[in-house]
Protein backbone atom coordinates (compact mmCIF):
# COMPACT_ATOMS: atom_id res chain seq x y z
CA MET A 1 57.09 132.47 191.15
CA ASN A 2 55.20 131.64 188.03
CA PHE A 3 53.64 128.75 189.78
CA GLY A 4 50.83 126.46 188.27
CA ILE A 5 50.64 128.57 185.40
CA SER A 6 53.68 127.07 183.76
CA ILE A 7 51.45 124.06 182.90
CA PHE A 8 49.34 126.11 180.72
CA THR A 9 52.25 128.08 179.38
CA SER A 10 54.06 124.98 178.13
CA GLY A 11 50.82 123.44 176.81
CA LEU A 12 49.75 126.73 175.00
CA LEU A 13 53.18 127.27 173.72
CA LEU A 14 53.64 123.59 172.28
CA ALA A 15 50.05 123.85 170.80
CA SER A 16 50.73 127.15 168.96
CA VAL A 17 54.01 125.91 167.73
CA SER A 18 52.94 122.53 166.78
CA LEU A 19 49.94 123.91 164.62
CA THR A 20 51.86 126.74 162.97
CA ALA A 21 54.98 124.63 162.55
CA ALA A 22 53.00 121.93 160.73
CA LEU A 23 52.55 124.62 157.73
CA THR A 24 55.98 126.43 157.91
CA PHE A 25 58.74 123.87 159.61
CA ASP A 26 61.34 123.06 157.15
CA GLU A 27 63.88 120.57 158.72
CA GLU A 28 66.49 121.32 155.95
CA ARG A 29 66.43 125.08 156.43
CA LEU A 30 65.81 125.54 160.20
CA ALA A 31 69.23 124.94 162.19
CA ILE A 32 68.33 124.00 165.50
CA LYS A 33 69.77 126.47 168.23
CA GLN A 34 72.24 124.91 170.52
CA PHE A 35 71.57 124.78 174.45
CA VAL A 36 73.72 127.67 176.17
CA THR A 37 74.41 127.36 179.69
CA SER A 38 74.82 130.24 182.31
CA GLU A 39 78.52 129.89 182.25
CA GLN A 40 78.52 130.05 178.44
CA ARG A 41 76.42 133.37 178.45
CA ILE A 42 78.70 134.74 181.22
CA ARG A 43 82.04 133.95 179.21
CA SER A 44 80.49 135.41 175.97
CA HIS A 45 80.51 138.77 177.61
CA GLY A 46 84.17 138.61 178.67
CA TYR A 47 83.64 137.89 182.18
CA PRO A 48 85.49 134.98 184.20
CA THR A 49 83.28 132.23 185.40
CA GLU A 50 83.46 129.00 187.64
CA THR A 51 81.03 126.21 188.21
CA HIS A 52 80.73 124.74 191.61
CA THR A 53 78.75 121.80 192.74
CA VAL A 54 77.14 121.81 196.38
CA GLU A 55 75.59 118.79 197.97
CA THR A 56 72.70 119.34 200.33
CA SER A 57 72.50 117.28 203.51
CA ASP A 58 69.70 115.09 201.86
CA GLY A 59 71.72 114.47 198.74
CA TYR A 60 70.59 116.91 196.05
CA LEU A 61 73.56 118.32 193.92
CA LEU A 62 73.00 121.84 193.10
CA THR A 63 75.02 123.93 190.62
CA LEU A 64 76.22 127.45 191.50
CA PHE A 65 77.80 129.54 188.58
CA ARG A 66 80.30 132.04 190.05
CA ILE A 67 81.38 135.44 188.47
CA PRO A 68 84.55 136.11 190.83
CA TYR A 69 85.65 139.42 189.63
CA SER A 70 85.11 142.07 186.77
CA HIS A 71 87.30 141.88 183.83
CA LYS A 72 86.59 145.67 183.49
CA LEU A 73 87.88 146.36 187.05
CA LYS A 74 90.70 143.52 187.03
CA ASN A 75 90.20 143.34 190.74
CA GLU A 76 90.67 139.80 191.16
CA GLY A 77 93.34 140.45 193.97
CA ALA A 78 90.89 142.94 195.81
CA TYR A 79 88.52 142.08 198.46
CA ARG A 80 85.33 141.25 196.86
CA PRO A 81 81.97 140.90 198.98
CA ALA A 82 79.96 137.79 198.14
CA ILE A 83 76.42 137.88 197.03
CA LEU A 84 74.18 134.92 196.13
CA LEU A 85 71.28 135.53 193.77
CA GLN A 86 68.38 133.03 193.80
CA HIS A 87 65.89 132.63 191.08
CA GLY A 88 62.09 131.98 191.19
CA LEU A 89 59.89 128.89 190.43
CA PHE A 90 60.37 127.37 186.94
CA SER A 91 63.50 129.59 186.56
CA ASN A 92 67.20 129.15 186.90
CA SER A 93 70.28 131.07 187.02
CA ASP A 94 69.75 132.47 183.36
CA CYS A 95 67.15 135.01 184.71
CA TRP A 96 69.88 137.07 186.26
CA LEU A 97 71.76 137.27 182.92
CA SER A 98 69.11 137.70 180.18
CA ASN A 99 69.14 141.36 180.10
CA GLY A 100 73.02 141.38 179.47
CA PRO A 101 75.81 143.36 181.03
CA ASP A 102 74.42 146.79 180.83
CA ASN A 103 71.46 146.01 182.77
CA SER A 104 71.35 142.49 184.25
CA LEU A 105 71.90 142.52 188.21
CA ALA A 106 74.56 139.96 188.23
CA TYR A 107 76.79 141.80 185.78
CA LEU A 108 76.11 145.11 187.63
CA LEU A 109 77.04 143.75 190.85
CA VAL A 110 80.37 142.16 189.57
CA ASP A 111 81.32 145.56 187.96
CA ALA A 112 80.49 147.15 191.13
CA GLY A 113 83.12 145.00 192.85
CA PHE A 114 81.26 142.04 194.35
CA ASP A 115 81.86 138.12 193.92
CA VAL A 116 78.63 137.02 192.53
CA TRP A 117 77.10 133.49 192.87
CA LEU A 118 74.10 132.32 190.93
CA GLY A 119 72.15 129.47 192.74
CA ASN A 120 70.20 126.87 191.06
CA ALA A 121 67.47 124.99 193.16
CA ARG A 122 66.95 121.27 193.18
CA GLY A 123 65.04 120.08 190.29
CA ASN A 124 65.92 122.70 187.65
CA ILE A 125 68.07 122.22 184.60
CA TYR A 126 71.29 122.78 186.37
CA SER A 127 70.62 120.84 189.52
CA ARG A 128 69.09 117.50 188.32
CA ALA A 129 70.88 114.87 190.43
CA ASN A 130 71.09 113.41 193.84
CA SER A 131 73.62 111.24 195.20
CA LYS A 132 71.01 108.90 196.97
CA ILE A 133 68.13 108.95 194.83
CA SER A 134 67.40 108.36 191.03
CA LEU A 135 66.09 111.39 188.90
CA ASN A 136 63.41 108.86 187.81
CA SER A 137 62.29 108.23 191.33
CA PRO A 138 59.03 109.79 192.71
CA LYS A 139 61.22 110.23 195.79
CA PHE A 140 63.56 112.68 193.72
CA TRP A 141 60.65 115.18 193.30
CA LYS A 142 59.27 114.63 196.88
CA PHE A 143 60.03 118.29 198.03
CA SER A 144 58.52 121.70 197.85
CA TRP A 145 60.13 125.08 198.31
CA HIS A 146 60.22 124.56 201.87
CA GLU A 147 62.97 121.98 201.26
CA ILE A 148 64.58 124.53 199.07
CA GLY A 149 64.74 126.92 201.78
CA ILE A 150 65.69 124.80 204.60
CA TYR A 151 68.29 122.54 202.66
CA ASP A 152 69.49 124.30 199.36
CA ILE A 153 69.70 127.76 200.32
CA SER A 154 71.43 127.11 203.68
CA ALA A 155 73.86 124.64 201.74
CA MET A 156 74.67 127.42 199.17
CA ILE A 157 75.27 130.15 201.96
CA ASP A 158 77.53 127.64 203.85
CA TYR A 159 79.59 126.63 200.87
CA ILE A 160 80.11 130.30 199.74
CA ARG A 161 81.28 131.24 203.26
CA ASP A 162 83.62 128.30 203.37
CA PHE A 163 84.86 128.82 199.76
CA THR A 164 85.62 132.57 200.49
CA GLY A 165 86.27 132.64 203.99
CA GLN A 166 83.65 135.32 204.39
CA GLN A 167 81.38 135.11 207.79
CA ALA A 168 78.38 136.60 206.05
CA ILE A 169 77.23 137.26 202.48
CA HIS A 170 74.66 139.35 200.70
CA TYR A 171 71.57 137.86 199.20
CA ALA A 172 69.13 138.56 196.45
CA GLY A 173 66.16 136.69 195.13
CA HIS A 174 63.06 136.90 192.76
CA SER A 175 59.52 135.60 193.58
CA GLN A 176 60.14 132.13 194.97
CA GLY A 177 63.85 133.14 195.68
CA THR A 178 62.26 135.51 198.38
CA THR A 179 59.89 132.84 199.57
CA VAL A 180 62.61 130.35 200.27
CA PHE A 181 64.60 133.06 201.95
CA LEU A 182 61.90 133.96 204.40
CA VAL A 183 61.43 130.03 205.14
CA LEU A 184 65.16 129.72 206.34
CA MET A 185 65.40 132.99 208.08
CA SER A 186 62.39 132.30 209.94
CA THR A 187 63.03 128.74 210.64
CA LYS A 188 66.63 128.14 211.15
CA ARG A 189 67.27 131.54 212.92
CA GLU A 190 71.12 131.16 213.12
CA TYR A 191 71.25 132.02 209.30
CA ASN A 192 70.26 135.63 209.98
CA ALA A 193 73.66 136.41 211.05
CA ARG A 194 75.13 135.00 208.04
CA ILE A 195 73.52 137.45 205.71
CA LYS A 196 74.50 141.03 205.60
CA THR A 197 71.71 142.43 203.51
CA ALA A 198 68.79 140.62 201.87
CA HIS A 199 66.95 142.21 198.69
CA LEU A 200 63.63 140.52 197.88
CA LEU A 201 62.25 141.36 194.45
CA ALA A 202 58.42 140.69 194.14
CA PRO A 203 58.27 139.13 197.41
CA CYS A 204 55.92 136.19 197.67
CA ALA A 205 54.62 134.94 201.14
CA PHE A 206 50.95 135.79 201.37
CA PHE A 207 48.40 135.13 198.55
CA ALA A 208 45.04 135.95 199.84
CA HIS A 209 44.53 138.77 197.16
CA GLY A 210 46.15 137.28 194.35
CA THR A 211 44.33 138.22 190.85
CA HIS A 212 45.82 135.82 188.56
CA PRO A 213 43.87 133.19 187.04
CA ALA A 214 46.21 130.31 188.12
CA PHE A 215 44.75 130.89 191.80
CA GLN A 216 41.49 129.39 190.68
CA LEU A 217 43.21 126.12 190.81
CA SER A 218 43.53 126.31 194.39
CA ALA A 219 39.98 124.98 194.94
CA LEU A 220 41.10 121.66 193.40
CA VAL A 221 44.88 121.25 194.06
CA GLY A 222 44.94 123.32 197.08
CA THR A 223 42.75 120.71 198.80
CA PRO A 224 45.12 118.56 201.22
CA GLY A 225 44.37 114.73 200.70
CA GLY A 226 42.22 115.47 197.77
CA LEU A 227 42.02 113.57 194.47
CA TYR A 228 44.16 115.97 192.64
CA ASN A 229 46.75 116.18 194.96
CA SER A 230 47.06 112.74 195.30
CA LEU A 231 47.57 112.51 191.29
CA LEU A 232 50.03 115.46 191.05
CA GLU A 233 52.12 115.23 194.10
CA ASP A 234 55.66 114.24 194.00
CA MET A 235 56.30 114.23 190.12
CA GLU A 236 57.97 116.83 187.75
CA LEU A 237 56.01 119.60 186.69
CA VAL A 238 56.26 120.25 183.09
CA PRO A 239 58.61 117.61 182.46
CA LYS A 240 61.89 118.53 180.54
CA ASN A 241 62.16 117.10 177.11
CA LYS A 242 65.52 118.28 175.39
CA ILE A 243 64.40 117.80 171.95
CA VAL A 244 61.15 119.55 172.38
CA ASN A 245 62.78 122.40 174.32
CA ARG A 246 65.40 123.09 171.45
CA ILE A 247 62.69 123.00 168.71
CA VAL A 248 60.35 125.30 170.32
CA ASP A 249 63.15 127.70 171.21
CA THR A 250 64.42 127.60 167.58
CA LEU A 251 60.79 128.17 166.20
CA CYS A 252 60.05 131.00 168.49
CA GLY A 253 63.47 132.67 167.79
CA GLN A 254 63.45 132.13 164.00
CA GLN A 255 59.92 131.86 162.77
CA PRO A 256 58.51 135.66 162.72
CA GLN A 257 54.98 134.45 162.42
CA LEU A 258 55.49 132.43 165.77
CA GLY A 259 57.45 135.01 167.64
CA LYS A 260 54.48 137.05 168.80
CA GLN A 261 52.59 133.91 170.03
CA CYS A 262 55.63 132.46 172.01
CA LYS A 263 55.98 135.89 173.83
CA ASP A 264 52.29 136.31 174.35
CA VAL A 265 52.34 133.04 175.99
CA ALA A 266 55.32 133.63 178.12
CA LEU A 267 54.06 136.92 179.25
CA TRP A 268 50.51 135.77 180.04
CA TYR A 269 51.02 135.13 183.61
CA ALA A 270 52.75 138.26 184.44
CA GLY A 271 49.98 140.99 184.29
CA GLU A 272 49.68 143.65 181.51
CA GLY A 273 52.85 142.24 179.71
CA TYR A 274 54.22 144.37 177.11
CA ARG A 275 54.77 147.84 178.31
CA ASN A 276 58.14 147.33 180.12
CA THR A 277 59.20 144.24 178.70
CA ASN A 278 62.59 144.10 176.81
CA MET A 279 61.66 141.55 174.08
CA SER A 280 65.23 140.63 173.56
CA SER A 281 65.59 139.65 177.06
CA LEU A 282 62.63 137.74 177.07
CA GLN A 283 63.53 135.71 174.01
CA ILE A 284 66.78 134.71 175.75
CA LEU A 285 64.93 133.86 178.86
CA ILE A 286 62.58 131.50 176.83
CA GLU A 287 65.54 129.46 175.73
CA THR A 288 65.91 127.74 179.20
CA HIS A 289 62.46 128.37 180.77
CA PRO A 290 60.53 126.78 182.26
CA GLY A 291 63.47 125.35 184.23
CA GLY A 292 61.97 122.55 185.95
CA SER A 293 60.34 122.16 189.34
CA SER A 294 58.50 119.68 191.57
CA SER A 295 54.70 119.70 191.35
CA ASN A 296 54.65 120.06 195.11
CA GLN A 297 56.00 123.57 194.75
CA GLY A 298 52.89 124.63 192.82
CA ILE A 299 50.54 122.60 195.13
CA HIS A 300 52.33 124.49 197.96
CA PHE A 301 51.71 127.74 196.69
CA LEU A 302 48.17 127.20 195.90
CA GLN A 303 47.59 126.07 199.51
CA LEU A 304 48.69 129.39 200.65
CA SER A 305 46.27 131.15 198.32
CA LYS A 306 43.36 129.18 199.78
CA SER A 307 44.45 129.14 203.62
CA HIS A 308 45.72 132.99 203.50
CA LYS A 309 48.56 131.71 205.66
CA PHE A 310 52.10 131.67 205.13
CA ARG A 311 52.80 128.08 206.39
CA GLN A 312 54.21 125.04 205.73
CA PHE A 313 53.03 122.08 203.53
CA ASP A 314 49.33 120.86 204.25
CA TYR A 315 49.36 117.00 204.14
CA GLY A 316 45.61 117.00 205.65
CA THR A 317 44.75 116.54 209.20
CA LYS A 318 45.86 112.99 209.66
CA LYS A 319 49.42 113.18 208.17
CA ASN A 320 49.78 116.70 209.66
CA ARG A 321 49.45 115.13 213.08
CA GLN A 322 52.42 112.62 212.28
CA VAL A 323 54.54 115.14 210.81
CA TYR A 324 53.72 118.31 212.96
CA ASN A 325 51.97 116.96 215.78
CA GLN A 326 49.09 119.25 215.14
CA ASP A 327 46.15 119.35 212.92
CA THR A 328 47.40 122.04 210.61
CA PRO A 329 50.70 123.18 209.27
CA PRO A 330 52.67 125.48 211.43
CA ASP A 331 53.01 129.22 210.22
CA TYR A 332 56.37 130.58 209.40
CA ASP A 333 57.15 133.36 212.18
CA LEU A 334 58.44 136.09 210.26
CA SER A 335 59.07 138.03 213.42
CA LYS A 336 62.14 136.00 214.06
CA ILE A 337 63.93 137.39 210.86
CA THR A 338 66.52 139.70 212.03
CA ALA A 339 68.53 139.92 208.78
CA ARG A 340 68.61 143.35 207.12
CA THR A 341 65.80 142.80 204.57
CA TYR A 342 64.87 145.07 201.71
CA LEU A 343 61.54 144.57 199.76
CA TYR A 344 60.93 145.69 196.25
CA SER A 345 57.47 145.22 194.99
CA SER A 346 54.72 146.69 192.36
CA ALA A 347 51.14 147.50 191.98
CA ASN A 348 50.47 145.34 188.86
CA ASP A 349 51.92 142.17 190.27
CA ALA A 350 48.93 139.62 189.87
CA LEU A 351 50.93 136.81 191.76
CA CYS A 352 52.37 138.72 194.78
CA GLY A 353 50.33 142.00 194.90
CA PRO A 354 50.58 145.16 196.96
CA ARG A 355 47.89 144.05 199.63
CA ASP A 356 49.61 140.89 200.36
CA VAL A 357 52.90 142.62 200.50
CA ASP A 358 51.25 145.02 203.04
CA ASN A 359 50.50 141.67 205.08
CA LEU A 360 54.10 140.69 204.89
CA VAL A 361 55.53 144.01 205.84
CA GLU A 362 53.01 143.95 209.08
CA ASN A 363 54.78 140.71 210.12
CA MET A 364 58.34 141.68 209.65
CA PRO A 365 58.84 144.26 212.33
CA LEU A 366 62.75 144.56 211.51
CA LEU A 367 62.33 145.25 207.91
CA VAL A 368 64.79 147.86 206.82
CA GLU A 369 62.91 149.13 203.55
CA ASP A 370 59.73 148.56 201.78
CA TYR A 371 60.13 149.94 198.29
CA ARG A 372 57.07 150.09 195.97
CA VAL A 373 57.84 150.89 192.28
CA ALA A 374 56.03 153.93 191.30
CA ASP A 375 55.07 152.93 187.71
CA PRO A 376 51.78 151.33 188.07
CA THR A 377 52.29 148.98 185.09
CA TRP A 378 55.32 147.31 186.54
CA ASN A 379 54.55 143.52 186.88
CA HIS A 380 56.20 140.38 188.42
CA MET A 381 58.54 139.72 185.56
CA ASP A 382 59.55 143.17 185.00
CA PHE A 383 61.83 142.76 187.78
CA ILE A 384 63.75 140.49 185.46
CA VAL A 385 63.15 141.48 182.00
CA ALA A 386 61.96 145.06 181.93
CA ASN A 387 63.68 147.81 179.75
CA GLN A 388 64.14 150.06 182.72
CA MET A 389 65.10 147.48 185.32
CA LYS A 390 68.45 148.80 185.89
CA GLU A 391 67.03 152.24 186.75
CA VAL A 392 64.08 151.23 188.80
CA ILE A 393 65.23 148.29 190.74
CA ASN A 394 68.90 147.04 190.10
CA ALA A 395 70.69 150.41 190.66
CA ARG A 396 68.79 150.52 194.24
CA VAL A 397 69.92 147.18 195.06
CA VAL A 398 73.77 147.77 193.95
CA GLN A 399 73.59 151.13 195.98
CA ALA A 400 72.46 149.36 199.04
CA VAL A 401 74.96 146.73 199.05
CA LYS A 402 77.65 149.11 198.52
CA THR A 403 76.33 151.38 201.25
CA TYR A 404 76.43 148.57 203.56
CA GLU A 405 79.91 147.69 202.67
CA ARG A 406 81.20 151.22 203.00
CA PHE A 407 79.90 151.89 206.34
CA THR A 408 81.00 148.39 207.91
CA GLN A 409 84.59 148.47 206.55
């Protein structure tokens, strides 16, 4: 999810870079690293890839990267069940690739015989266009993760089904990628039948017990109709600047005295950071992160930490009456979710911790599995960049989808 904190992450990162770089930056000796897309990363490991554009019903143009088959299996002519992988807040499709072909979930799935699709939510670096609204208009950023769930995820699922001819697909999400799944399945119930299995890594719905410092912002930003909300709503959170991004990425990767500072900042939100982290994977992740989002997404998460509810965006009593015909936003009814859902969570998650996962489990009567990582140090980002994530998480996901396919053929 990584909400709110990215404001501080980017600020601290740029501050540390600018202070140290003032002493060490040599334009003639430092070659600026080029931006590498998800498609280029996939091809660099020998896998075939495709880029697809999906338009939502409200005009957002989303980029889907596809790894259709494995060059190792040479199975392009075989039946390959489709699976959609959806990133978290401030992230993008690169998060499923950063640990390389031997460990990353996307590659492990394609090498297990699956047709892998990598989603990108509206507003991130790969999905920054709308057929009806300019990127520079505040209206472009007038969305939260509710809209990502209702419009983006549904559009991706429908596109994959239409393109492949498969009636249902598998799904995996990390952090906000789990939140948007819960939103869609509880609100547009017909989509439950379009999901074979769903795998929610670091599942995020309730935030009553979050321990991360970011939750302290909820007293200010989580107040509907308040001054800070009025100032911060409907805008890009951590605006993207290509030049600054390339310089920061280059300095973090090539200047030894900056490397630890960059990684310290990047890991600050994750809990106790270094014990499980694959630093090479983290460095790759930094290249395209933060990936872009609307300020409303962060505000919405902070509202949940204050209300202790999993519910829609709170506009304040007056506007709530106009939008919802009631004083408070409606809760998402998780009991309506019938898709085969697996949870994967951990004890050291400062954002979506075990007590809030308990609440999620209590509200999902049809849950298939509630898996808790045994390692007490496993944190929010370890699901994406840990050294042992293949053994601890990804192998379980691959086995679950393979088992489903084996018993339903």
